[in-house]
N, C-alpha and C. Protein backbone atom coordinates (compact mmCIF):
# COMPACT_ATOMS: atom_id res chain seq x y z
N MET A 1 -9.55 -1.00 -7.19
CA MET A 1 -8.63 -1.95 -7.79
C MET A 1 -8.75 -1.94 -9.31
N LEU A 2 -9.98 -1.90 -9.81
CA LEU A 2 -10.16 -1.92 -11.26
C LEU A 2 -9.52 -0.72 -11.94
N ASP A 3 -9.50 0.42 -11.25
CA ASP A 3 -8.89 1.62 -11.81
C ASP A 3 -7.38 1.44 -12.00
N LEU A 4 -6.78 0.57 -11.22
CA LEU A 4 -5.34 0.36 -11.30
C LEU A 4 -4.92 -0.54 -12.45
N LEU A 5 -5.82 -1.37 -12.93
CA LEU A 5 -5.44 -2.39 -13.90
C LEU A 5 -4.82 -1.83 -15.16
N ASP A 6 -5.37 -0.75 -15.70
CA ASP A 6 -4.81 -0.17 -16.92
C ASP A 6 -3.39 0.32 -16.69
N GLU A 7 -3.17 0.96 -15.54
CA GLU A 7 -1.84 1.49 -15.25
C GLU A 7 -0.85 0.35 -15.02
N ILE A 8 -1.25 -0.67 -14.29
CA ILE A 8 -0.39 -1.83 -14.05
C ILE A 8 -0.04 -2.50 -15.37
N GLU A 9 -1.03 -2.67 -16.23
CA GLU A 9 -0.79 -3.29 -17.54
C GLU A 9 0.19 -2.46 -18.37
N ARG A 10 0.05 -1.14 -18.33
CA ARG A 10 0.97 -0.26 -19.07
C ARG A 10 2.39 -0.43 -18.55
N TRP A 11 2.55 -0.39 -17.22
CA TRP A 11 3.88 -0.54 -16.65
C TRP A 11 4.50 -1.88 -17.04
N LEU A 12 3.73 -2.94 -16.95
CA LEU A 12 4.25 -4.27 -17.29
C LEU A 12 4.61 -4.36 -18.77
N THR A 13 3.78 -3.78 -19.64
CA THR A 13 4.03 -3.78 -21.08
C THR A 13 5.32 -3.03 -21.40
N GLU A 14 5.61 -1.99 -20.62
CA GLU A 14 6.84 -1.21 -20.80
C GLU A 14 8.06 -1.92 -20.20
N GLY A 15 7.84 -3.07 -19.59
CA GLY A 15 8.94 -3.86 -19.04
C GLY A 15 9.33 -3.54 -17.61
N HIS A 16 8.48 -2.80 -16.90
CA HIS A 16 8.76 -2.45 -15.52
C HIS A 16 8.26 -3.51 -14.55
N ARG A 17 8.90 -3.56 -13.39
CA ARG A 17 8.42 -4.41 -12.31
C ARG A 17 7.42 -3.61 -11.49
N VAL A 18 6.40 -4.30 -10.96
CA VAL A 18 5.32 -3.63 -10.25
C VAL A 18 5.00 -4.40 -8.98
N ALA A 19 4.81 -3.67 -7.89
CA ALA A 19 4.34 -4.25 -6.63
C ALA A 19 2.92 -3.77 -6.37
N LEU A 20 2.11 -4.65 -5.80
CA LEU A 20 0.73 -4.33 -5.47
C LEU A 20 0.53 -4.46 -3.97
N ALA A 21 -0.02 -3.42 -3.37
CA ALA A 21 -0.35 -3.41 -1.94
C ALA A 21 -1.87 -3.44 -1.81
N ARG A 22 -2.36 -4.38 -0.97
CA ARG A 22 -3.81 -4.48 -0.76
C ARG A 22 -4.12 -4.55 0.73
N VAL A 23 -5.14 -3.80 1.14
CA VAL A 23 -5.61 -3.88 2.52
C VAL A 23 -6.30 -5.23 2.69
N ILE A 24 -5.84 -6.01 3.68
CA ILE A 24 -6.46 -7.32 3.90
C ILE A 24 -7.21 -7.39 5.23
N ASP A 25 -6.94 -6.46 6.16
CA ASP A 25 -7.65 -6.47 7.43
C ASP A 25 -7.57 -5.10 8.07
N VAL A 26 -8.64 -4.73 8.74
CA VAL A 26 -8.71 -3.47 9.45
C VAL A 26 -9.33 -3.74 10.81
N GLN A 27 -8.72 -3.19 11.85
CA GLN A 27 -9.29 -3.26 13.19
C GLN A 27 -9.40 -1.84 13.71
N GLY A 28 -10.57 -1.47 14.13
CA GLY A 28 -10.79 -0.10 14.58
C GLY A 28 -11.05 0.81 13.39
N SER A 29 -10.69 2.05 13.56
CA SER A 29 -10.94 3.07 12.55
C SER A 29 -9.85 3.04 11.47
N SER A 30 -10.28 3.19 10.22
CA SER A 30 -9.35 3.22 9.10
C SER A 30 -9.97 3.98 7.94
N PRO A 31 -9.15 4.71 7.16
CA PRO A 31 -9.71 5.47 6.04
C PRO A 31 -10.13 4.59 4.86
N ARG A 32 -9.64 3.35 4.78
CA ARG A 32 -9.98 2.47 3.66
C ARG A 32 -10.38 1.10 4.18
N ASP A 33 -11.25 0.45 3.44
CA ASP A 33 -11.71 -0.89 3.79
C ASP A 33 -10.84 -1.96 3.15
N PRO A 34 -10.93 -3.21 3.63
CA PRO A 34 -10.22 -4.29 2.95
C PRO A 34 -10.57 -4.32 1.46
N GLY A 35 -9.55 -4.58 0.66
CA GLY A 35 -9.71 -4.57 -0.79
C GLY A 35 -9.12 -3.33 -1.44
N ALA A 36 -8.96 -2.25 -0.67
CA ALA A 36 -8.34 -1.05 -1.23
C ALA A 36 -6.93 -1.40 -1.70
N ALA A 37 -6.49 -0.81 -2.80
CA ALA A 37 -5.21 -1.21 -3.38
C ALA A 37 -4.40 -0.01 -3.86
N MET A 38 -3.08 -0.24 -3.91
CA MET A 38 -2.13 0.75 -4.40
C MET A 38 -1.05 -0.01 -5.18
N ALA A 39 -0.68 0.51 -6.33
CA ALA A 39 0.38 -0.10 -7.13
C ALA A 39 1.60 0.82 -7.14
N VAL A 40 2.78 0.19 -7.08
CA VAL A 40 4.03 0.94 -7.09
C VAL A 40 4.91 0.37 -8.21
N CYS A 41 5.31 1.24 -9.12
CA CYS A 41 6.20 0.85 -10.22
C CYS A 41 7.64 1.05 -9.78
N GLU A 42 8.55 0.29 -10.34
CA GLU A 42 9.96 0.41 -9.99
C GLU A 42 10.52 1.79 -10.29
N THR A 43 9.85 2.56 -11.13
CA THR A 43 10.27 3.92 -11.44
C THR A 43 9.92 4.90 -10.33
N GLY A 44 9.14 4.43 -9.35
CA GLY A 44 8.71 5.28 -8.26
C GLY A 44 7.31 5.84 -8.42
N GLU A 45 6.69 5.57 -9.57
CA GLU A 45 5.31 6.02 -9.76
C GLU A 45 4.39 5.21 -8.86
N VAL A 46 3.35 5.88 -8.34
CA VAL A 46 2.39 5.25 -7.44
C VAL A 46 0.98 5.58 -7.92
N ARG A 47 0.11 4.59 -7.90
CA ARG A 47 -1.30 4.79 -8.24
C ARG A 47 -2.14 4.09 -7.19
N GLY A 48 -3.28 4.69 -6.86
CA GLY A 48 -4.19 4.11 -5.89
C GLY A 48 -3.88 4.60 -4.49
N SER A 49 -4.63 4.07 -3.52
CA SER A 49 -4.47 4.49 -2.14
C SER A 49 -4.95 3.38 -1.21
N VAL A 50 -4.21 3.16 -0.15
CA VAL A 50 -4.63 2.17 0.84
C VAL A 50 -4.92 2.80 2.19
N ALA A 51 -4.39 3.96 2.47
CA ALA A 51 -4.63 4.57 3.78
C ALA A 51 -4.43 6.08 3.79
N GLY A 52 -3.60 6.59 2.93
CA GLY A 52 -3.30 8.01 2.93
C GLY A 52 -2.22 8.35 3.93
N GLY A 53 -1.70 9.54 3.84
CA GLY A 53 -0.74 10.04 4.81
C GLY A 53 0.54 9.26 4.92
N CYS A 54 1.03 9.18 6.16
CA CYS A 54 2.36 8.60 6.41
C CYS A 54 2.41 7.11 6.11
N VAL A 55 1.29 6.40 6.19
CA VAL A 55 1.28 4.97 5.90
C VAL A 55 1.69 4.72 4.44
N GLU A 56 1.19 5.53 3.55
CA GLU A 56 1.50 5.31 2.14
C GLU A 56 2.97 5.56 1.84
N GLY A 57 3.57 6.54 2.48
CA GLY A 57 5.00 6.76 2.30
C GLY A 57 5.81 5.56 2.76
N ALA A 58 5.43 5.00 3.90
CA ALA A 58 6.11 3.81 4.41
C ALA A 58 5.89 2.62 3.49
N LEU A 59 4.70 2.53 2.91
CA LEU A 59 4.41 1.41 2.01
C LEU A 59 5.20 1.47 0.72
N VAL A 60 5.48 2.67 0.23
CA VAL A 60 6.30 2.78 -0.98
C VAL A 60 7.68 2.18 -0.70
N SER A 61 8.24 2.47 0.46
CA SER A 61 9.53 1.89 0.83
C SER A 61 9.45 0.38 0.90
N GLU A 62 8.38 -0.14 1.49
CA GLU A 62 8.21 -1.60 1.59
C GLU A 62 8.00 -2.21 0.20
N ALA A 63 7.26 -1.52 -0.65
CA ALA A 63 7.02 -2.02 -2.01
C ALA A 63 8.32 -2.09 -2.80
N LEU A 64 9.20 -1.12 -2.62
CA LEU A 64 10.49 -1.15 -3.31
C LEU A 64 11.33 -2.34 -2.87
N LYS A 65 11.20 -2.73 -1.60
CA LYS A 65 11.88 -3.94 -1.12
C LYS A 65 11.32 -5.19 -1.79
N VAL A 66 10.00 -5.23 -1.97
CA VAL A 66 9.37 -6.35 -2.67
C VAL A 66 9.87 -6.41 -4.11
N LEU A 67 10.00 -5.24 -4.75
CA LEU A 67 10.50 -5.19 -6.12
C LEU A 67 11.95 -5.67 -6.21
N GLU A 68 12.75 -5.37 -5.19
CA GLU A 68 14.15 -5.82 -5.18
C GLU A 68 14.28 -7.33 -4.98
N THR A 69 13.50 -7.85 -4.03
CA THR A 69 13.67 -9.25 -3.63
C THR A 69 12.70 -10.21 -4.31
N GLY A 70 11.56 -9.71 -4.73
CA GLY A 70 10.52 -10.58 -5.29
C GLY A 70 9.71 -11.28 -4.22
N ALA A 71 10.06 -11.07 -2.95
CA ALA A 71 9.38 -11.73 -1.84
C ALA A 71 8.21 -10.89 -1.33
N ALA A 72 7.05 -11.53 -1.25
CA ALA A 72 5.87 -10.85 -0.71
C ALA A 72 6.07 -10.57 0.77
N ARG A 73 5.32 -9.61 1.30
CA ARG A 73 5.42 -9.30 2.72
C ARG A 73 4.10 -8.77 3.25
N LEU A 74 3.92 -8.94 4.53
CA LEU A 74 2.75 -8.43 5.23
C LEU A 74 3.21 -7.28 6.12
N CYS A 75 2.55 -6.15 5.99
CA CYS A 75 2.88 -4.98 6.80
C CYS A 75 1.68 -4.62 7.67
N THR A 76 1.95 -4.29 8.91
CA THR A 76 0.91 -3.88 9.84
C THR A 76 1.25 -2.50 10.38
N PHE A 77 0.27 -1.62 10.32
CA PHE A 77 0.43 -0.26 10.83
C PHE A 77 -0.70 -0.01 11.80
N GLY A 78 -0.38 0.57 12.95
CA GLY A 78 -1.42 0.85 13.92
C GLY A 78 -1.00 1.86 14.94
N TYR A 79 -1.97 2.58 15.44
CA TYR A 79 -1.76 3.61 16.44
C TYR A 79 -2.97 3.61 17.37
N SER A 80 -2.74 3.92 18.61
CA SER A 80 -3.88 4.20 19.48
C SER A 80 -4.46 5.54 19.04
N ASP A 81 -5.69 5.83 19.44
CA ASP A 81 -6.29 7.10 19.04
C ASP A 81 -5.46 8.29 19.49
N ASP A 82 -4.92 8.25 20.73
CA ASP A 82 -4.09 9.36 21.22
C ASP A 82 -2.85 9.54 20.37
N GLU A 83 -2.17 8.44 20.02
CA GLU A 83 -0.97 8.52 19.19
C GLU A 83 -1.32 9.02 17.80
N ALA A 84 -2.45 8.61 17.28
CA ALA A 84 -2.86 9.03 15.93
C ALA A 84 -2.98 10.55 15.85
N PHE A 85 -3.64 11.14 16.83
CA PHE A 85 -3.80 12.59 16.80
C PHE A 85 -2.47 13.29 17.03
N ALA A 86 -1.60 12.69 17.83
CA ALA A 86 -0.30 13.30 18.13
C ALA A 86 0.56 13.42 16.88
N VAL A 87 0.46 12.48 15.95
CA VAL A 87 1.27 12.55 14.73
C VAL A 87 0.49 13.09 13.54
N GLY A 88 -0.73 13.56 13.77
CA GLY A 88 -1.49 14.19 12.71
C GLY A 88 -2.36 13.26 11.89
N LEU A 89 -2.57 12.03 12.35
CA LEU A 89 -3.45 11.12 11.64
C LEU A 89 -4.89 11.40 12.02
N THR A 90 -5.82 11.10 11.14
CA THR A 90 -7.22 11.38 11.40
C THR A 90 -7.95 10.22 12.03
N CYS A 91 -7.31 9.06 12.15
CA CYS A 91 -7.99 7.90 12.72
C CYS A 91 -7.00 7.03 13.47
N GLY A 92 -7.50 6.26 14.40
CA GLY A 92 -6.69 5.27 15.09
C GLY A 92 -6.90 3.94 14.40
N GLY A 93 -6.68 2.84 15.10
CA GLY A 93 -6.92 1.54 14.53
C GLY A 93 -5.67 0.92 13.95
N THR A 94 -5.85 -0.27 13.41
CA THR A 94 -4.75 -1.03 12.83
C THR A 94 -5.15 -1.48 11.43
N ILE A 95 -4.20 -1.41 10.53
CA ILE A 95 -4.44 -1.81 9.14
C ILE A 95 -3.34 -2.80 8.73
N LYS A 96 -3.76 -3.92 8.12
CA LYS A 96 -2.80 -4.91 7.62
C LYS A 96 -2.83 -4.85 6.10
N ILE A 97 -1.63 -4.80 5.52
CA ILE A 97 -1.51 -4.65 4.07
C ILE A 97 -0.57 -5.73 3.54
N PHE A 98 -1.03 -6.42 2.50
CA PHE A 98 -0.23 -7.46 1.86
C PHE A 98 0.39 -6.86 0.60
N LEU A 99 1.71 -7.01 0.47
CA LEU A 99 2.45 -6.52 -0.71
C LEU A 99 2.99 -7.71 -1.48
N GLU A 100 2.83 -7.67 -2.79
CA GLU A 100 3.37 -8.74 -3.63
C GLU A 100 3.80 -8.19 -4.99
N LEU A 101 4.68 -8.94 -5.62
CA LEU A 101 5.14 -8.62 -6.95
C LEU A 101 4.06 -9.03 -7.95
N VAL A 102 3.76 -8.17 -8.92
CA VAL A 102 2.79 -8.47 -9.96
C VAL A 102 3.53 -9.06 -11.15
N SER A 103 3.02 -10.18 -11.66
CA SER A 103 3.66 -10.77 -12.85
C SER A 103 2.64 -10.98 -13.95
């Protein structure tokens, strides 16, 4: 999270809107622990990581919705272990991510 602060501050200073995604809960296996964060600028730039792979692509789309509406949202992603391997993920489990507008 601390690594993101300089980038978030730069984006805000330049007048951009920024969404912040943070892992708030993990059940089962997950590549990141609660507290992991990712920032998304309205320009499409992304910094940080909350899970890697397909989850992050989906989160960018959700973050852009937060930037459009200003409304925070909770996103949950999860797969059984069998489904995880079928789509190329390295872990099963469920991850909950909170997205909000940074001001």
